Amino acid sequence: MSPSAEPFTPLPADQAVAGKARLPLGWRDACGKLLVPLNVCRHENLYATWKCDDERHAYERCQYDDYINRMKQLEKSERLKRESQE
């Protein structure tokens, strides 16, 4: 993700979809929408890891981008806090 790109904004899974897919509450985060097809693929392929690479990569990339975005927001808020104290 380039620095000039827009901030990452993933969409969480709908509560009805997440409930039907039996996602635990802890996994219903911003990338939950990508976890549903990954779990379906895993179930259909009996957890053969190489058959769901695309879905897994998309989910892990979403998790990574979300983490990077949160760290940037934290850094920005800490910088603003330091500047206001000076």
N, C-alpha and C. Protein backbone atom coordinates (compact mmCIF):
# COMPACT_ATOMS: atom_id res chain seq x y z
N MET A 1 0.85 -1.16 0.00
CA MET A 1 0.00 0.00 0.00
C MET A 1 0.90 1.23 0.00
N SER A 2 0.72 2.05 -0.96
CA SER A 2 1.56 3.24 -1.07
C SER A 2 1.10 4.30 -0.07
N PRO A 3 2.01 5.18 0.34
CA PRO A 3 1.63 6.21 1.32
C PRO A 3 0.57 7.17 0.81
N SER A 4 0.49 7.35 -0.52
CA SER A 4 -0.48 8.29 -1.06
C SER A 4 -1.86 7.66 -1.25
N ALA A 5 -1.97 6.35 -1.03
CA ALA A 5 -3.26 5.67 -1.21
C ALA A 5 -4.24 6.10 -0.12
N GLU A 6 -5.50 5.92 -0.41
CA GLU A 6 -6.52 6.26 0.57
C GLU A 6 -6.46 5.29 1.74
N PRO A 7 -6.93 5.69 2.91
CA PRO A 7 -6.89 4.79 4.07
C PRO A 7 -7.69 3.53 3.81
N PHE A 8 -7.25 2.46 4.41
CA PHE A 8 -7.88 1.15 4.26
C PHE A 8 -9.17 1.13 5.06
N THR A 9 -10.27 0.79 4.41
CA THR A 9 -11.56 0.71 5.10
C THR A 9 -12.27 -0.58 4.72
N PRO A 10 -11.99 -1.68 5.43
CA PRO A 10 -12.67 -2.94 5.14
C PRO A 10 -14.10 -2.90 5.66
N LEU A 11 -14.93 -3.74 5.10
CA LEU A 11 -16.33 -3.81 5.52
C LEU A 11 -16.55 -5.08 6.33
N PRO A 12 -17.11 -4.96 7.53
CA PRO A 12 -17.38 -6.16 8.32
C PRO A 12 -18.54 -6.95 7.74
N ALA A 13 -18.60 -8.23 8.08
CA ALA A 13 -19.70 -9.08 7.63
C ALA A 13 -20.99 -8.65 8.34
N ASP A 14 -22.10 -8.79 7.64
CA ASP A 14 -23.39 -8.51 8.26
C ASP A 14 -23.61 -9.48 9.42
N GLN A 15 -24.35 -9.04 10.42
CA GLN A 15 -24.59 -9.90 11.58
C GLN A 15 -25.33 -11.17 11.19
N ALA A 16 -26.27 -11.06 10.24
CA ALA A 16 -27.01 -12.24 9.81
C ALA A 16 -26.10 -13.24 9.11
N VAL A 17 -25.22 -12.74 8.24
CA VAL A 17 -24.29 -13.60 7.51
C VAL A 17 -23.30 -14.23 8.48
N ALA A 18 -22.77 -13.43 9.39
CA ALA A 18 -21.80 -13.94 10.36
C ALA A 18 -22.44 -14.97 11.29
N GLY A 19 -23.68 -14.74 11.66
CA GLY A 19 -24.38 -15.70 12.51
C GLY A 19 -24.65 -17.00 11.78
N LYS A 20 -25.06 -16.90 10.52
CA LYS A 20 -25.33 -18.10 9.73
C LYS A 20 -24.05 -18.89 9.50
N ALA A 21 -22.94 -18.19 9.33
CA ALA A 21 -21.65 -18.85 9.11
C ALA A 21 -21.03 -19.31 10.42
N ARG A 22 -21.69 -19.01 11.54
CA ARG A 22 -21.24 -19.39 12.88
C ARG A 22 -19.84 -18.86 13.20
N LEU A 23 -19.61 -17.60 12.82
CA LEU A 23 -18.35 -16.95 13.18
C LEU A 23 -18.38 -16.60 14.66
N PRO A 24 -17.33 -16.92 15.40
CA PRO A 24 -17.27 -16.49 16.80
C PRO A 24 -17.25 -14.97 16.89
N LEU A 25 -17.75 -14.43 17.97
CA LEU A 25 -17.83 -12.97 18.12
C LEU A 25 -16.46 -12.31 18.01
N GLY A 26 -15.42 -12.96 18.46
CA GLY A 26 -14.08 -12.40 18.39
C GLY A 26 -13.54 -12.26 16.99
N TRP A 27 -14.10 -12.98 16.04
CA TRP A 27 -13.64 -12.93 14.66
C TRP A 27 -14.52 -12.07 13.78
N ARG A 28 -15.54 -11.46 14.34
CA ARG A 28 -16.44 -10.59 13.56
C ARG A 28 -15.89 -9.17 13.51
N ASP A 29 -14.69 -9.06 13.03
CA ASP A 29 -14.03 -7.76 12.95
C ASP A 29 -14.21 -7.18 11.56
N ALA A 30 -13.38 -6.21 11.22
CA ALA A 30 -13.49 -5.52 9.94
C ALA A 30 -13.27 -6.46 8.76
N CYS A 31 -12.53 -7.53 8.94
CA CYS A 31 -12.23 -8.45 7.84
C CYS A 31 -13.11 -9.70 7.89
N GLY A 32 -14.14 -9.68 8.70
CA GLY A 32 -15.01 -10.83 8.84
C GLY A 32 -15.70 -11.22 7.54
N LYS A 33 -15.92 -10.24 6.67
CA LYS A 33 -16.58 -10.52 5.40
C LYS A 33 -15.74 -11.46 4.54
N LEU A 34 -14.42 -11.40 4.68
CA LEU A 34 -13.53 -12.27 3.92
C LEU A 34 -13.32 -13.61 4.61
N LEU A 35 -13.61 -13.69 5.89
CA LEU A 35 -13.43 -14.93 6.62
C LEU A 35 -14.52 -15.95 6.30
N VAL A 36 -15.71 -15.48 5.98
CA VAL A 36 -16.81 -16.39 5.67
C VAL A 36 -16.49 -17.26 4.45
N PRO A 37 -16.10 -16.68 3.28
CA PRO A 37 -15.77 -17.55 2.15
C PRO A 37 -14.53 -18.41 2.40
N LEU A 38 -13.60 -17.93 3.21
CA LEU A 38 -12.42 -18.74 3.53
C LEU A 38 -12.82 -19.97 4.33
N ASN A 39 -13.68 -19.80 5.31
CA ASN A 39 -14.13 -20.95 6.10
C ASN A 39 -14.97 -21.91 5.27
N VAL A 40 -15.77 -21.40 4.35
CA VAL A 40 -16.54 -22.27 3.45
C VAL A 40 -15.60 -23.09 2.58
N CYS A 41 -14.59 -22.43 2.02
CA CYS A 41 -13.61 -23.13 1.19
C CYS A 41 -12.88 -24.19 2.00
N ARG A 42 -12.48 -23.84 3.21
CA ARG A 42 -11.79 -24.81 4.06
C ARG A 42 -12.67 -26.02 4.33
N HIS A 43 -13.93 -25.78 4.62
CA HIS A 43 -14.85 -26.88 4.92
C HIS A 43 -15.08 -27.76 3.69
N GLU A 44 -15.28 -27.14 2.53
CA GLU A 44 -15.54 -27.91 1.31
C GLU A 44 -14.33 -28.73 0.87
N ASN A 45 -13.13 -28.25 1.17
CA ASN A 45 -11.91 -28.93 0.74
C ASN A 45 -11.22 -29.68 1.87
N LEU A 46 -11.93 -29.91 2.96
CA LEU A 46 -11.41 -30.66 4.10
C LEU A 46 -10.09 -30.11 4.60
N TYR A 47 -10.01 -28.79 4.68
CA TYR A 47 -8.85 -28.06 5.19
C TYR A 47 -7.57 -28.35 4.41
N ALA A 48 -7.69 -28.66 3.12
CA ALA A 48 -6.51 -28.77 2.26
C ALA A 48 -6.00 -27.35 2.03
N THR A 49 -4.89 -27.02 2.66
CA THR A 49 -4.44 -25.62 2.73
C THR A 49 -4.15 -25.02 1.37
N TRP A 50 -3.69 -25.80 0.42
CA TRP A 50 -3.31 -25.26 -0.88
C TRP A 50 -4.51 -24.93 -1.76
N LYS A 51 -5.68 -25.41 -1.42
CA LYS A 51 -6.85 -25.18 -2.26
C LYS A 51 -7.55 -23.86 -1.95
N CYS A 52 -7.23 -23.24 -0.84
CA CYS A 52 -7.89 -21.98 -0.45
C CYS A 52 -6.88 -20.85 -0.34
N ASP A 53 -5.81 -20.92 -1.11
CA ASP A 53 -4.75 -19.92 -1.01
C ASP A 53 -5.24 -18.51 -1.33
N ASP A 54 -6.07 -18.37 -2.36
CA ASP A 54 -6.53 -17.02 -2.74
C ASP A 54 -7.37 -16.39 -1.64
N GLU A 55 -8.29 -17.17 -1.07
CA GLU A 55 -9.14 -16.65 0.00
C GLU A 55 -8.31 -16.33 1.24
N ARG A 56 -7.37 -17.21 1.56
CA ARG A 56 -6.53 -17.00 2.74
C ARG A 56 -5.65 -15.76 2.56
N HIS A 57 -5.09 -15.61 1.36
CA HIS A 57 -4.24 -14.45 1.10
C HIS A 57 -5.05 -13.15 1.22
N ALA A 58 -6.26 -13.15 0.68
CA ALA A 58 -7.10 -11.94 0.76
C ALA A 58 -7.43 -11.62 2.22
N TYR A 59 -7.76 -12.63 3.01
CA TYR A 59 -8.08 -12.42 4.42
C TYR A 59 -6.86 -11.92 5.20
N GLU A 60 -5.72 -12.56 4.99
CA GLU A 60 -4.51 -12.15 5.72
C GLU A 60 -4.06 -10.76 5.29
N ARG A 61 -4.23 -10.42 4.02
CA ARG A 61 -3.88 -9.08 3.55
C ARG A 61 -4.79 -8.03 4.21
N CYS A 62 -6.05 -8.37 4.33
CA CYS A 62 -7.00 -7.48 5.00
C CYS A 62 -6.59 -7.26 6.45
N GLN A 63 -6.23 -8.34 7.14
CA GLN A 63 -5.78 -8.23 8.53
C GLN A 63 -4.53 -7.35 8.63
N TYR A 64 -3.59 -7.56 7.72
CA TYR A 64 -2.35 -6.78 7.72
C TYR A 64 -2.62 -5.30 7.47
N ASP A 65 -3.43 -5.02 6.45
CA ASP A 65 -3.74 -3.62 6.13
C ASP A 65 -4.48 -2.94 7.28
N ASP A 66 -5.37 -3.67 7.94
CA ASP A 66 -6.09 -3.13 9.08
C ASP A 66 -5.11 -2.82 10.21
N TYR A 67 -4.16 -3.70 10.46
CA TYR A 67 -3.15 -3.47 11.50
C TYR A 67 -2.31 -2.24 11.18
N ILE A 68 -1.84 -2.13 9.93
CA ILE A 68 -1.03 -0.99 9.52
C ILE A 68 -1.82 0.31 9.69
N ASN A 69 -3.08 0.29 9.31
CA ASN A 69 -3.93 1.48 9.45
C ASN A 69 -4.08 1.88 10.92
N ARG A 70 -4.30 0.90 11.80
CA ARG A 70 -4.43 1.22 13.22
C ARG A 70 -3.13 1.77 13.79
N MET A 71 -1.99 1.24 13.35
CA MET A 71 -0.70 1.75 13.83
C MET A 71 -0.45 3.18 13.35
N LYS A 72 -0.86 3.48 12.12
CA LYS A 72 -0.72 4.85 11.61
C LYS A 72 -1.59 5.81 12.39
N GLN A 73 -2.81 5.39 12.71
CA GLN A 73 -3.70 6.24 13.50
C GLN A 73 -3.13 6.47 14.90
N LEU A 74 -2.57 5.43 15.50
CA LEU A 74 -1.97 5.56 16.82
C LEU A 74 -0.78 6.51 16.78
N GLU A 75 0.07 6.36 15.78
CA GLU A 75 1.23 7.23 15.64
C GLU A 75 0.80 8.68 15.45
N LYS A 76 -0.24 8.89 14.65
CA LYS A 76 -0.72 10.25 14.41
C LYS A 76 -1.28 10.86 15.70
N SER A 77 -2.06 10.09 16.45
CA SER A 77 -2.63 10.62 17.69
C SER A 77 -1.53 10.91 18.72
N GLU A 78 -0.52 10.05 18.78
CA GLU A 78 0.59 10.30 19.71
C GLU A 78 1.38 11.54 19.30
N ARG A 79 1.58 11.72 18.00
CA ARG A 79 2.30 12.89 17.51
C ARG A 79 1.53 14.17 17.83
N LEU A 80 0.21 14.15 17.61
CA LEU A 80 -0.61 15.32 17.92
C LEU A 80 -0.61 15.62 19.42
N LYS A 81 -0.61 14.57 20.22
CA LYS A 81 -0.57 14.75 21.67
C LYS A 81 0.76 15.38 22.09
N ARG A 82 1.87 14.91 21.53
CA ARG A 82 3.18 15.49 21.84
C ARG A 82 3.26 16.95 21.41
N GLU A 83 2.72 17.24 20.22
CA GLU A 83 2.75 18.61 19.72
C GLU A 83 1.91 19.55 20.57
N SER A 84 0.80 19.05 21.08
CA SER A 84 -0.06 19.90 21.91
C SER A 84 0.58 20.17 23.27
N GLN A 85 1.42 19.26 23.75
CA GLN A 85 2.09 19.45 25.03
C GLN A 85 3.24 20.44 24.93
N GLU A 86 3.77 20.63 23.75
CA GLU A 86 4.92 21.53 23.58
C GLU A 86 4.53 22.97 23.56
